[in-house]
Amino acid sequence: DFYAASLDEATLRRHLAAPIAIRDRSAKQAQLTELLQQDNGR
């Protein structure tokens, strides 16, 4: 998934529910926030 162009909300939430490393957590939380903002904008 690191090499994927984008991840959907379900995938991001699954990753964030696991005890992943803080660097990865910060990046994925930012991706999820941006994705939700885009959905809200639409």
PDB file of all heavy atoms in Angstrom:
ATOM      1  N   ASP A   1       0.816  -1.219   0.000  1.00  0.00           N
ATOM      2  CA  ASP A   1       0.000   0.000   0.000  1.00  0.00           C
ATOM      3  C   ASP A   1       0.846   1.265   0.000  1.00  0.00           C
ATOM      4  O   ASP A   1       0.374   2.330  -0.408  1.00  0.00           O
ATOM      5  CB  ASP A   1      -0.947   0.005   1.200  1.00  0.00           C
ATOM      6  CG  ASP A   1      -2.118  -0.949   1.007  1.00  0.00           C
ATOM      7  OD1 ASP A   1      -2.313  -1.442  -0.121  1.00  0.00           O
ATOM      8  OD2 ASP A   1      -2.835  -1.221   2.000  1.00  0.00           O
ATOM      9  N   PHE A   2       2.097   1.161   0.460  1.00  0.00           N
ATOM     10  CA  PHE A   2       2.980   2.325   0.430  1.00  0.00           C
ATOM     11  C   PHE A   2       3.141   2.839  -1.003  1.00  0.00           C
ATOM     12  O   PHE A   2       3.268   4.043  -1.236  1.00  0.00           O
ATOM     13  CB  PHE A   2       4.358   1.972   1.002  1.00  0.00           C
ATOM     14  CG  PHE A   2       5.361   3.091   0.900  1.00  0.00           C
ATOM     15  CD1 PHE A   2       5.395   4.101   1.849  1.00  0.00           C
ATOM     16  CD2 PHE A   2       6.259   3.151  -0.164  1.00  0.00           C
ATOM     17  CE1 PHE A   2       6.310   5.151   1.742  1.00  0.00           C
ATOM     18  CE2 PHE A   2       7.175   4.190  -0.282  1.00  0.00           C
ATOM     19  CZ  PHE A   2       7.197   5.188   0.681  1.00  0.00           C
ATOM     20  N   TYR A   3       3.116   1.930  -1.958  1.00  0.00           N
ATOM     21  CA  TYR A   3       3.333   2.295  -3.357  1.00  0.00           C
ATOM     22  C   TYR A   3       2.041   2.593  -4.105  1.00  0.00           C
ATOM     23  O   TYR A   3       2.078   2.941  -5.288  1.00  0.00           O
ATOM     24  CB  TYR A   3       4.089   1.170  -4.072  1.00  0.00           C
ATOM     25  CG  TYR A   3       5.467   0.928  -3.493  1.00  0.00           C
ATOM     26  CD1 TYR A   3       5.684  -0.117  -2.594  1.00  0.00           C
ATOM     27  CD2 TYR A   3       6.535   1.743  -3.834  1.00  0.00           C
ATOM     28  CE1 TYR A   3       6.943  -0.340  -2.063  1.00  0.00           C
ATOM     29  CE2 TYR A   3       7.792   1.537  -3.301  1.00  0.00           C
ATOM     30  CZ  TYR A   3       7.993   0.487  -2.409  1.00  0.00           C
ATOM     31  OH  TYR A   3       9.244   0.275  -1.880  1.00  0.00           O
ATOM     32  N   ALA A   4       0.899   2.457  -3.446  1.00  0.00           N
ATOM     33  CA  ALA A   4      -0.380   2.718  -4.095  1.00  0.00           C
ATOM     34  C   ALA A   4      -0.566   4.213  -4.324  1.00  0.00           C
ATOM     35  O   ALA A   4      -0.139   5.041  -3.512  1.00  0.00           O
ATOM     36  CB  ALA A   4      -1.527   2.173  -3.257  1.00  0.00           C
ATOM     37  N   ALA A   5      -1.197   4.558  -5.430  1.00  0.00           N
ATOM     38  CA  ALA A   5      -1.432   5.970  -5.743  1.00  0.00           C
ATOM     39  C   ALA A   5      -2.314   6.626  -4.694  1.00  0.00           C
ATOM     40  O   ALA A   5      -2.124   7.789  -4.330  1.00  0.00           O
ATOM     41  CB  ALA A   5      -2.066   6.094  -7.130  1.00  0.00           C
ATOM     42  N   SER A   6      -3.294   5.885  -4.179  1.00  0.00           N
ATOM     43  CA  SER A   6      -4.181   6.397  -3.134  1.00  0.00           C
ATOM     44  C   SER A   6      -4.815   5.212  -2.422  1.00  0.00           C
ATOM     45  O   SER A   6      -4.880   4.103  -2.961  1.00  0.00           O
ATOM     46  CB  SER A   6      -5.267   7.300  -3.720  1.00  0.00           C
ATOM     47  OG  SER A   6      -6.071   6.573  -4.642  1.00  0.00           O
ATOM     48  N   LEU A   7      -5.276   5.462  -1.206  1.00  0.00           N
ATOM     49  CA  LEU A   7      -5.936   4.442  -0.409  1.00  0.00           C
ATOM     50  C   LEU A   7      -7.340   4.908  -0.064  1.00  0.00           C
ATOM     51  O   LEU A   7      -7.553   6.094   0.207  1.00  0.00           O
ATOM     52  CB  LEU A   7      -5.145   4.165   0.879  1.00  0.00           C
ATOM     53  CG  LEU A   7      -3.708   3.674   0.701  1.00  0.00           C
ATOM     54  CD1 LEU A   7      -3.027   3.527   2.060  1.00  0.00           C
ATOM     55  CD2 LEU A   7      -3.664   2.363  -0.063  1.00  0.00           C
ATOM     56  N   ASP A   8      -8.286   3.978  -0.058  1.00  0.00           N
ATOM     57  CA  ASP A   8      -9.649   4.371   0.276  1.00  0.00           C
ATOM     58  C   ASP A   8      -9.832   4.471   1.787  1.00  0.00           C
ATOM     59  O   ASP A   8      -8.951   4.089   2.573  1.00  0.00           O
ATOM     60  CB  ASP A   8     -10.667   3.409  -0.341  1.00  0.00           C
ATOM     61  CG  ASP A   8     -10.504   1.969   0.132  1.00  0.00           C
ATOM     62  OD1 ASP A   8     -10.020   1.743   1.264  1.00  0.00           O
ATOM     63  OD2 ASP A   8     -10.876   1.053  -0.634  1.00  0.00           O
ATOM     64  N   GLU A   9     -10.979   4.988   2.196  1.00  0.00           N
ATOM     65  CA  GLU A   9     -11.228   5.228   3.617  1.00  0.00           C
ATOM     66  C   GLU A   9     -11.160   3.937   4.432  1.00  0.00           C
ATOM     67  O   GLU A   9     -10.571   3.908   5.520  1.00  0.00           O
ATOM     68  CB  GLU A   9     -12.597   5.889   3.808  1.00  0.00           C
ATOM     69  CG  GLU A   9     -12.929   6.170   5.273  1.00  0.00           C
ATOM     70  CD  GLU A   9     -14.288   6.801   5.463  1.00  0.00           C
ATOM     71  OE1 GLU A   9     -14.914   7.213   4.455  1.00  0.00           O
ATOM     72  OE2 GLU A   9     -14.731   6.893   6.634  1.00  0.00           O
ATOM     73  N   ALA A  10     -11.751   2.862   3.923  1.00  0.00           N
ATOM     74  CA  ALA A  10     -11.774   1.604   4.662  1.00  0.00           C
ATOM     75  C   ALA A  10     -10.359   1.079   4.905  1.00  0.00           C
ATOM     76  O   ALA A  10     -10.033   0.608   6.008  1.00  0.00           O
ATOM     77  CB  ALA A  10     -12.603   0.569   3.916  1.00  0.00           C
ATOM     78  N   THR A  11      -9.508   1.175   3.900  1.00  0.00           N
ATOM     79  CA  THR A  11      -8.129   0.704   4.044  1.00  0.00           C
ATOM     80  C   THR A  11      -7.365   1.548   5.047  1.00  0.00           C
ATOM     81  O   THR A  11      -6.657   1.032   5.917  1.00  0.00           O
ATOM     82  CB  THR A  11      -7.416   0.732   2.683  1.00  0.00           C
ATOM     83  OG1 THR A  11      -8.098  -0.140   1.778  1.00  0.00           O
ATOM     84  CG2 THR A  11      -5.970   0.277   2.819  1.00  0.00           C
ATOM     85  N   LEU A  12      -7.516   2.858   4.954  1.00  0.00           N
ATOM     86  CA  LEU A  12      -6.834   3.749   5.897  1.00  0.00           C
ATOM     87  C   LEU A  12      -7.271   3.471   7.330  1.00  0.00           C
ATOM     88  O   LEU A  12      -6.451   3.434   8.250  1.00  0.00           O
ATOM     89  CB  LEU A  12      -7.110   5.208   5.532  1.00  0.00           C
ATOM     90  CG  LEU A  12      -6.403   5.716   4.266  1.00  0.00           C
ATOM     91  CD1 LEU A  12      -6.968   7.066   3.843  1.00  0.00           C
ATOM     92  CD2 LEU A  12      -4.897   5.816   4.491  1.00  0.00           C
ATOM     93  N   ARG A  13      -8.559   3.253   7.529  1.00  0.00           N
ATOM     94  CA  ARG A  13      -9.064   2.994   8.878  1.00  0.00           C
ATOM     95  C   ARG A  13      -8.549   1.651   9.402  1.00  0.00           C
ATOM     96  O   ARG A  13      -8.270   1.514  10.597  1.00  0.00           O
ATOM     97  CB  ARG A  13     -10.592   3.043   8.896  1.00  0.00           C
ATOM     98  CG  ARG A  13     -11.155   4.454   8.702  1.00  0.00           C
ATOM     99  CD  ARG A  13     -12.619   4.531   9.037  1.00  0.00           C
ATOM    100  NE  ARG A  13     -13.171   5.854   8.793  1.00  0.00           N
ATOM    101  CZ  ARG A  13     -13.035   6.890   9.630  1.00  0.00           C
ATOM    102  NH1 ARG A  13     -12.357   6.745  10.770  1.00  0.00           N
ATOM    103  NH2 ARG A  13     -13.587   8.060   9.342  1.00  0.00           N
ATOM    104  N   ARG A  14      -8.426   0.656   8.538  1.00  0.00           N
ATOM    105  CA  ARG A  14      -7.876  -0.630   8.971  1.00  0.00           C
ATOM    106  C   ARG A  14      -6.430  -0.479   9.399  1.00  0.00           C
ATOM    107  O   ARG A  14      -6.003  -1.037  10.407  1.00  0.00           O
ATOM    108  CB  ARG A  14      -7.977  -1.666   7.846  1.00  0.00           C
ATOM    109  CG  ARG A  14      -9.340  -2.294   7.691  1.00  0.00           C
ATOM    110  CD  ARG A  14      -9.318  -3.600   6.928  1.00  0.00           C
ATOM    111  NE  ARG A  14      -8.501  -3.560   5.730  1.00  0.00           N
ATOM    112  CZ  ARG A  14      -7.329  -4.173   5.604  1.00  0.00           C
ATOM    113  NH1 ARG A  14      -6.820  -4.851   6.610  1.00  0.00           N
ATOM    114  NH2 ARG A  14      -6.660  -4.103   4.474  1.00  0.00           N
ATOM    115  N   HIS A  15      -5.668   0.277   8.634  1.00  0.00           N
ATOM    116  CA  HIS A  15      -4.274   0.508   8.995  1.00  0.00           C
ATOM    117  C   HIS A  15      -4.171   1.237  10.333  1.00  0.00           C
ATOM    118  O   HIS A  15      -3.349   0.889  11.185  1.00  0.00           O
ATOM    119  CB  HIS A  15      -3.582   1.327   7.911  1.00  0.00           C
ATOM    120  CG  HIS A  15      -3.297   0.550   6.659  1.00  0.00           C
ATOM    121  ND1 HIS A  15      -2.314   0.919   5.767  1.00  0.00           N
ATOM    122  CD2 HIS A  15      -3.860  -0.567   6.137  1.00  0.00           C
ATOM    123  CE1 HIS A  15      -2.277   0.061   4.749  1.00  0.00           C
ATOM    124  NE2 HIS A  15      -3.224  -0.835   4.960  1.00  0.00           N
ATOM    125  N   LEU A  16      -4.989   2.257  10.493  1.00  0.00           N
ATOM    126  CA  LEU A  16      -4.938   3.070  11.712  1.00  0.00           C
ATOM    127  C   LEU A  16      -5.422   2.312  12.943  1.00  0.00           C
ATOM    128  O   LEU A  16      -5.066   2.663  14.074  1.00  0.00           O
ATOM    129  CB  LEU A  16      -5.755   4.350  11.522  1.00  0.00           C
ATOM    130  CG  LEU A  16      -5.139   5.374  10.559  1.00  0.00           C
ATOM    131  CD1 LEU A  16      -6.160   6.443  10.183  1.00  0.00           C
ATOM    132  CD2 LEU A  16      -3.905   6.008  11.184  1.00  0.00           C
ATOM    133  N   ALA A  17      -6.222   1.263  12.733  1.00  0.00           N
ATOM    134  CA  ALA A  17      -6.695   0.457  13.866  1.00  0.00           C
ATOM    135  C   ALA A  17      -5.619  -0.491  14.379  1.00  0.00           C
ATOM    136  O   ALA A  17      -5.722  -1.014  15.494  1.00  0.00           O
ATOM    137  CB  ALA A  17      -7.932  -0.340  13.458  1.00  0.00           C
ATOM    138  N   ALA A  18      -4.583  -0.715  13.575  1.00  0.00           N
ATOM    139  CA  ALA A  18      -3.482  -1.593  13.964  1.00  0.00           C
ATOM    140  C   ALA A  18      -2.394  -0.777  14.669  1.00  0.00           C
ATOM    141  O   ALA A  18      -2.319   0.444  14.506  1.00  0.00           O
ATOM    142  CB  ALA A  18      -2.917  -2.281  12.731  1.00  0.00           C
ATOM    143  N   PRO A  19      -1.521  -1.420  15.437  1.00  0.00           N
ATOM    144  CA  PRO A  19      -0.454  -0.701  16.160  1.00  0.00           C
ATOM    145  C   PRO A  19       0.734  -0.370  15.258  1.00  0.00           C
ATOM    146  O   PRO A  19       1.864  -0.803  15.486  1.00  0.00           O
ATOM    147  CB  PRO A  19      -0.069  -1.682  17.272  1.00  0.00           C
ATOM    148  CG  PRO A  19      -0.360  -3.036  16.708  1.00  0.00           C
ATOM    149  CD  PRO A  19      -1.582  -2.850  15.839  1.00  0.00           C
ATOM    150  N   ILE A  20       0.477   0.420  14.208  1.00  0.00           N
ATOM    151  CA  ILE A  20       1.506   0.775  13.241  1.00  0.00           C
ATOM    152  C   ILE A  20       2.468   1.814  13.827  1.00  0.00           C
ATOM    153  O   ILE A  20       2.176   2.458  14.833  1.00  0.00           O
ATOM    154  CB  ILE A  20       0.892   1.299  11.934  1.00  0.00           C
ATOM    155  CG1 ILE A  20      -0.008   2.512  12.204  1.00  0.00           C
ATOM    156  CG2 ILE A  20       0.102   0.198  11.234  1.00  0.00           C
ATOM    157  CD1 ILE A  20      -0.619   3.127  10.948  1.00  0.00           C
ATOM    158  N   ALA A  21       3.610   1.983  13.154  1.00  0.00           N
ATOM    159  CA  ALA A  21       4.616   2.951  13.597  1.00  0.00           C
ATOM    160  C   ALA A  21       4.088   4.372  13.507  1.00  0.00           C
ATOM    161  O   ALA A  21       3.253   4.688  12.658  1.00  0.00           O
ATOM    162  CB  ALA A  21       5.881   2.802  12.756  1.00  0.00           C
ATOM    163  N   ILE A  22       4.594   5.248  14.364  1.00  0.00           N
ATOM    164  CA  ILE A  22       4.085   6.606  14.470  1.00  0.00           C
ATOM    165  C   ILE A  22       4.269   7.378  13.162  1.00  0.00           C
ATOM    166  O   ILE A  22       3.407   8.184  12.780  1.00  0.00           O
ATOM    167  CB  ILE A  22       4.748   7.363  15.645  1.00  0.00           C
ATOM    168  CG1 ILE A  22       4.100   8.733  15.842  1.00  0.00           C
ATOM    169  CG2 ILE A  22       6.244   7.476  15.451  1.00  0.00           C
ATOM    170  CD1 ILE A  22       2.637   8.691  16.210  1.00  0.00           C
ATOM    171  N   ARG A  23       5.376   7.158  12.439  1.00  0.00           N
ATOM    172  CA  ARG A  23       5.566   7.862  11.163  1.00  0.00           C
ATOM    173  C   ARG A  23       4.462   7.487  10.183  1.00  0.00           C
ATOM    174  O   ARG A  23       3.901   8.342   9.501  1.00  0.00           O
ATOM    175  CB  ARG A  23       6.927   7.514  10.566  1.00  0.00           C
ATOM    176  CG  ARG A  23       8.130   8.083  11.304  1.00  0.00           C
ATOM    177  CD  ARG A  23       9.407   7.770  10.554  1.00  0.00           C
ATOM    178  NE  ARG A  23      10.588   8.255  11.254  1.00  0.00           N
ATOM    179  CZ  ARG A  23      11.300   7.547  12.118  1.00  0.00           C
ATOM    180  NH1 ARG A  23      10.938   6.312  12.406  1.00  0.00           N
ATOM    181  NH2 ARG A  23      12.368   8.071  12.700  1.00  0.00           N
ATOM    182  N   ASP A  24       4.172   6.195  10.106  1.00  0.00           N
ATOM    183  CA  ASP A  24       3.122   5.723   9.208  1.00  0.00           C
ATOM    184  C   ASP A  24       1.757   6.200   9.680  1.00  0.00           C
ATOM    185  O   ASP A  24       0.900   6.591   8.882  1.00  0.00           O
ATOM    186  CB  ASP A  24       3.153   4.191   9.145  1.00  0.00           C
ATOM    187  CG  ASP A  24       2.374   3.641   7.955  1.00  0.00           C
ATOM    188  OD1 ASP A  24       2.156   4.389   6.995  1.00  0.00           O
ATOM    189  OD2 ASP A  24       1.983   2.460   8.006  1.00  0.00           O
ATOM    190  N   ARG A  25       1.542   6.193  10.990  1.00  0.00           N
ATOM    191  CA  ARG A  25       0.264   6.637  11.548  1.00  0.00           C
ATOM    192  C   ARG A  25      -0.001   8.106  11.207  1.00  0.00           C
ATOM    193  O   ARG A  25      -1.102   8.471  10.791  1.00  0.00           O
ATOM    194  CB  ARG A  25       0.241   6.420  13.063  1.00  0.00           C
ATOM    195  CG  ARG A  25      -1.068   6.871  13.727  1.00  0.00           C
ATOM    196  CD  ARG A  25      -1.115   6.447  15.186  1.00  0.00           C
ATOM    197  NE  ARG A  25      -1.056   5.000  15.299  1.00  0.00           N
ATOM    198  CZ  ARG A  25      -2.096   4.181  15.109  1.00  0.00           C
ATOM    199  NH1 ARG A  25      -3.275   4.691  14.784  1.00  0.00           N
ATOM    200  NH2 ARG A  25      -1.957   2.880  15.230  1.00  0.00           N
ATOM    201  N   SER A  26       1.005   8.934  11.382  1.00  0.00           N
ATOM    202  CA  SER A  26       0.838  10.362  11.089  1.00  0.00           C
ATOM    203  C   SER A  26       0.501  10.591   9.627  1.00  0.00           C
ATOM    204  O   SER A  26      -0.379  11.387   9.289  1.00  0.00           O
ATOM    205  CB  SER A  26       2.118  11.120  11.458  1.00  0.00           C
ATOM    206  OG  SER A  26       2.376  11.017  12.849  1.00  0.00           O
ATOM    207  N   ALA A  27       1.195   9.856   8.740  1.00  0.00           N
ATOM    208  CA  ALA A  27       0.959  10.019   7.308  1.00  0.00           C
ATOM    209  C   ALA A  27      -0.440   9.550   6.923  1.00  0.00           C
ATOM    210  O   ALA A  27      -1.153  10.220   6.152  1.00  0.00           O
ATOM    211  CB  ALA A  27       2.011   9.245   6.519  1.00  0.00           C
ATOM    212  N   LYS A  28      -0.852   8.423   7.465  1.00  0.00           N
ATOM    213  CA  LYS A  28      -2.160   7.878   7.097  1.00  0.00           C
ATOM    214  C   LYS A  28      -3.301   8.678   7.724  1.00  0.00           C
ATOM    215  O   LYS A  28      -4.370   8.808   7.133  1.00  0.00           O
ATOM    216  CB  LYS A  28      -2.244   6.402   7.482  1.00  0.00           C
ATOM    217  CG  LYS A  28      -1.433   5.513   6.554  1.00  0.00           C
ATOM    218  CD  LYS A  28      -1.683   4.056   6.814  1.00  0.00           C
ATOM    219  CE  LYS A  28      -1.098   3.195   5.680  1.00  0.00           C
ATOM    220  NZ  LYS A  28       0.338   3.255   5.578  1.00  0.00           N
ATOM    221  N   GLN A  29      -3.083   9.214   8.909  1.00  0.00           N
ATOM    222  CA  GLN A  29      -4.109  10.061   9.512  1.00  0.00           C
ATOM    223  C   GLN A  29      -4.306  11.316   8.668  1.00  0.00           C
ATOM    224  O   GLN A  29      -5.443  11.769   8.459  1.00  0.00           O
ATOM    225  CB  GLN A  29      -3.717  10.441  10.938  1.00  0.00           C
ATOM    226  CG  GLN A  29      -4.795  11.209  11.700  1.00  0.00           C
ATOM    227  CD  GLN A  29      -6.080  10.416  11.845  1.00  0.00           C
ATOM    228  OE1 GLN A  29      -6.090   9.360  12.482  1.00  0.00           O
ATOM    229  NE2 GLN A  29      -7.174  10.901  11.264  1.00  0.00           N
ATOM    230  N   ALA A  30      -3.200  11.864   8.160  1.00  0.00           N
ATOM    231  CA  ALA A  30      -3.298  13.039   7.289  1.00  0.00           C
ATOM    232  C   ALA A  30      -4.021  12.689   5.992  1.00  0.00           C
ATOM    233  O   ALA A  30      -4.847  13.475   5.495  1.00  0.00           O
ATOM    234  CB  ALA A  30      -1.899  13.578   6.988  1.00  0.00           C
ATOM    235  N   GLN A  31      -3.746  11.502   5.443  1.00  0.00           N
ATOM    236  CA  GLN A  31      -4.438  11.071   4.223  1.00  0.00           C
ATOM    237  C   GLN A  31      -5.935  10.914   4.463  1.00  0.00           C
ATOM    238  O   GLN A  31      -6.754  11.317   3.634  1.00  0.00           O
ATOM    239  CB  GLN A  31      -3.863   9.743   3.742  1.00  0.00           C
ATOM    240  CG  GLN A  31      -2.448   9.818   3.221  1.00  0.00           C
ATOM    241  CD  GLN A  31      -1.903   8.444   2.871  1.00  0.00           C
ATOM    242  OE1 GLN A  31      -2.598   7.626   2.271  1.00  0.00           O
ATOM    243  NE2 GLN A  31      -0.672   8.178   3.268  1.00  0.00           N
ATOM    244  N   LEU A  32      -6.278  10.324   5.613  1.00  0.00           N
ATOM    245  CA  LEU A  32      -7.692  10.123   5.922  1.00  0.00           C
ATOM    246  C   LEU A  32      -8.399  11.458   6.103  1.00  0.00           C
ATOM    247  O   LEU A  32      -9.515  11.654   5.603  1.00  0.00           O
ATOM    248  CB  LEU A  32      -7.833   9.265   7.179  1.00  0.00           C
ATOM    249  CG  LEU A  32      -9.270   8.997   7.644  1.00  0.00           C
ATOM    250  CD1 LEU A  32     -10.064   8.272   6.559  1.00  0.00           C
ATOM    251  CD2 LEU A  32      -9.273   8.191   8.943  1.00  0.00           C
ATOM    252  N   THR A  33      -7.774  12.392   6.807  1.00  0.00           N
ATOM    253  CA  THR A  33      -8.368  13.714   7.017  1.00  0.00           C
ATOM    254  C   THR A  33      -8.610  14.414   5.683  1.00  0.00           C
ATOM    255  O   THR A  33      -9.684  14.985   5.447  1.00  0.00           O
ATOM    256  CB  THR A  33      -7.455  14.576   7.902  1.00  0.00           C
ATOM    257  OG1 THR A  33      -7.305  13.944   9.183  1.00  0.00           O
ATOM    258  CG2 THR A  33      -8.031  15.973   8.092  1.00  0.00           C
ATOM    259  N   GLU A  34      -7.631  14.351   4.802  1.00  0.00           N
ATOM    260  CA  GLU A  34      -7.769  14.983   3.483  1.00  0.00           C
ATOM    261  C   GLU A  34      -8.879  14.318   2.678  1.00  0.00           C
ATOM    262  O   GLU A  34      -9.684  14.998   2.027  1.00  0.00           O
ATOM    263  CB  GLU A  34      -6.448  14.892   2.726  1.00  0.00           C
ATOM    264  CG  GLU A  34      -6.489  15.551   1.354  1.00  0.00           C
ATOM    265  CD  GLU A  34      -5.165  15.471   0.629  1.00  0.00           C
ATOM    266  OE1 GLU A  34      -4.209  14.900   1.188  1.00  0.00           O
ATOM    267  OE2 GLU A  34      -5.091  15.974  -0.515  1.00  0.00           O
ATOM    268  N   LEU A  35      -8.955  12.988   2.750  1.00  0.00           N
ATOM    269  CA  LEU A  35      -9.983  12.261   2.015  1.00  0.00           C
ATOM    270  C   LEU A  35     -11.380  12.626   2.498  1.00  0.00           C
ATOM    271  O   LEU A  35     -12.290  12.853   1.698  1.00  0.00           O
ATOM    272  CB  LEU A  35      -9.745  10.753   2.164  1.00  0.00           C
ATOM    273  CG  LEU A  35     -10.690   9.817   1.403  1.00  0.00           C
ATOM    274  CD1 LEU A  35     -10.559  10.030  -0.098  1.00  0.00           C
ATOM    275  CD2 LEU A  35     -10.399   8.369   1.758  1.00  0.00           C
ATOM    276  N   LEU A  36     -11.540  12.703   3.823  1.00  0.00           N
ATOM    277  CA  LEU A  36     -12.852  13.063   4.386  1.00  0.00           C
ATOM    278  C   LEU A  36     -13.237  14.491   4.035  1.00  0.00           C
ATOM    279  O   LEU A  36     -14.405  14.786   3.777  1.00  0.00           O
ATOM    280  CB  LEU A  36     -12.835  12.861   5.897  1.00  0.00           C
ATOM    281  CG  LEU A  36     -12.681  11.407   6.381  1.00  0.00           C
ATOM    282  CD1 LEU A  36     -12.577  11.358   7.893  1.00  0.00           C
ATOM    283  CD2 LEU A  36     -13.826  10.548   5.884  1.00  0.00           C
ATOM    284  N   GLN A  37     -12.275  15.379   4.031  1.00  0.00           N
ATOM    285  CA  GLN A  37     -12.524  16.770   3.644  1.00  0.00           C
ATOM    286  C   GLN A  37     -12.976  16.854   2.187  1.00  0.00           C
ATOM    287  O   GLN A  37     -13.884  17.622   1.841  1.00  0.00           O
ATOM    288  CB  GLN A  37     -11.286  17.628   3.881  1.00  0.00           C
ATOM    289  CG  GLN A  37     -10.995  17.877   5.347  1.00  0.00           C
ATOM    290  CD  GLN A  37      -9.667  18.603   5.557  1.00  0.00           C
ATOM    291  OE1 GLN A  37      -8.822  18.669   4.648  1.00  0.00           O
ATOM    292  NE2 GLN A  37      -9.463  19.152   6.744  1.00  0.00           N
ATOM    293  N   GLN A  38     -12.344  16.063   1.321  1.00  0.00           N
ATOM    294  CA  GLN A  38     -12.736  16.044  -0.088  1.00  0.00           C
ATOM    295  C   GLN A  38     -14.162  15.506  -0.240  1.00  0.00           C
ATOM    296  O   GLN A  38     -14.944  16.056  -1.019  1.00  0.00           O
ATOM    297  CB  GLN A  38     -11.757  15.170  -0.878  1.00  0.00           C
ATOM    298  CG  GLN A  38     -10.367  15.762  -1.009  1.00  0.00           C
ATOM    299  CD  GLN A  38      -9.398  14.798  -1.650  1.00  0.00           C
ATOM    300  OE1 GLN A  38      -9.706  13.636  -1.888  1.00  0.00           O
ATOM    301  NE2 GLN A  38      -8.189  15.272  -1.927  1.00  0.00           N
ATOM    302  N   ASP A  39     -14.490  14.454   0.514  1.00  0.00           N
ATOM    303  CA  ASP A  39     -15.834  13.884   0.445  1.00  0.00           C
ATOM    304  C   ASP A  39     -16.871  14.894   0.922  1.00  0.00           C
ATOM    305  O   ASP A  39     -17.942  15.027   0.327  1.00  0.00           O
ATOM    306  CB  ASP A  39     -15.905  12.604   1.298  1.00  0.00           C
ATOM    307  CG  ASP A  39     -15.121  11.469   0.665  1.00  0.00           C
ATOM    308  OD1 ASP A  39     -14.801  11.555  -0.534  1.00  0.00           O
ATOM    309  OD2 ASP A  39     -14.823  10.489   1.375  1.00  0.00           O
ATOM    310  N   ASN A  40     -16.542  15.604   2.012  1.00  0.00           N
ATOM    311  CA  ASN A  40     -17.460  16.612   2.534  1.00  0.00           C
ATOM    312  C   ASN A  40     -17.659  17.752   1.535  1.00  0.00           C
ATOM    313  O   ASN A  40     -18.753  18.289   1.393  1.00  0.00           O
ATOM    314  CB  ASN A  40     -16.950  17.167   3.864  1.00  0.00           C
ATOM    315  CG  ASN A  40     -17.040  16.152   4.991  1.00  0.00           C
ATOM    316  OD1 ASN A  40     -17.863  15.223   4.938  1.00  0.00           O
ATOM    317  ND2 ASN A  40     -16.215  16.305   6.012  1.00  0.00           N
ATOM    318  N   GLY A  41     -16.586  18.102   0.837  1.00  0.00           N
ATOM    319  CA  GLY A  41     -16.669  19.170  -0.147  1.00  0.00           C
ATOM    320  C   GLY A  41     -17.579  18.786  -1.310  1.00  0.00           C
ATOM    321  O   GLY A  41     -18.292  19.624  -1.859  1.00  0.00           O
ATOM    322  N   ARG A  42     -17.539  17.503  -1.687  1.00  0.00           N
ATOM    323  CA  ARG A  42     -18.401  17.051  -2.788  1.00  0.00           C
ATOM    324  C   ARG A  42     -19.869  17.004  -2.393  1.00  0.00           C
ATOM    325  O   ARG A  42     -20.760  17.132  -3.221  1.00  0.00           O
ATOM    326  CB  ARG A  42     -17.936  15.668  -3.266  1.00  0.00           C
ATOM    327  CG  ARG A  42     -16.665  15.706  -4.120  1.00  0.00           C
ATOM    328  CD  ARG A  42     -16.427  14.389  -4.790  1.00  0.00           C
ATOM    329  NE  ARG A  42     -15.994  13.375  -3.839  1.00  0.00           N
ATOM    330  CZ  ARG A  42     -14.724  13.093  -3.573  1.00  0.00           C
ATOM    331  NH1 ARG A  42     -13.758  13.787  -4.197  1.00  0.00           N
ATOM    332  NH2 ARG A  42     -14.389  12.168  -2.709  1.00  0.00           N
TER     333      ARG A  42
END
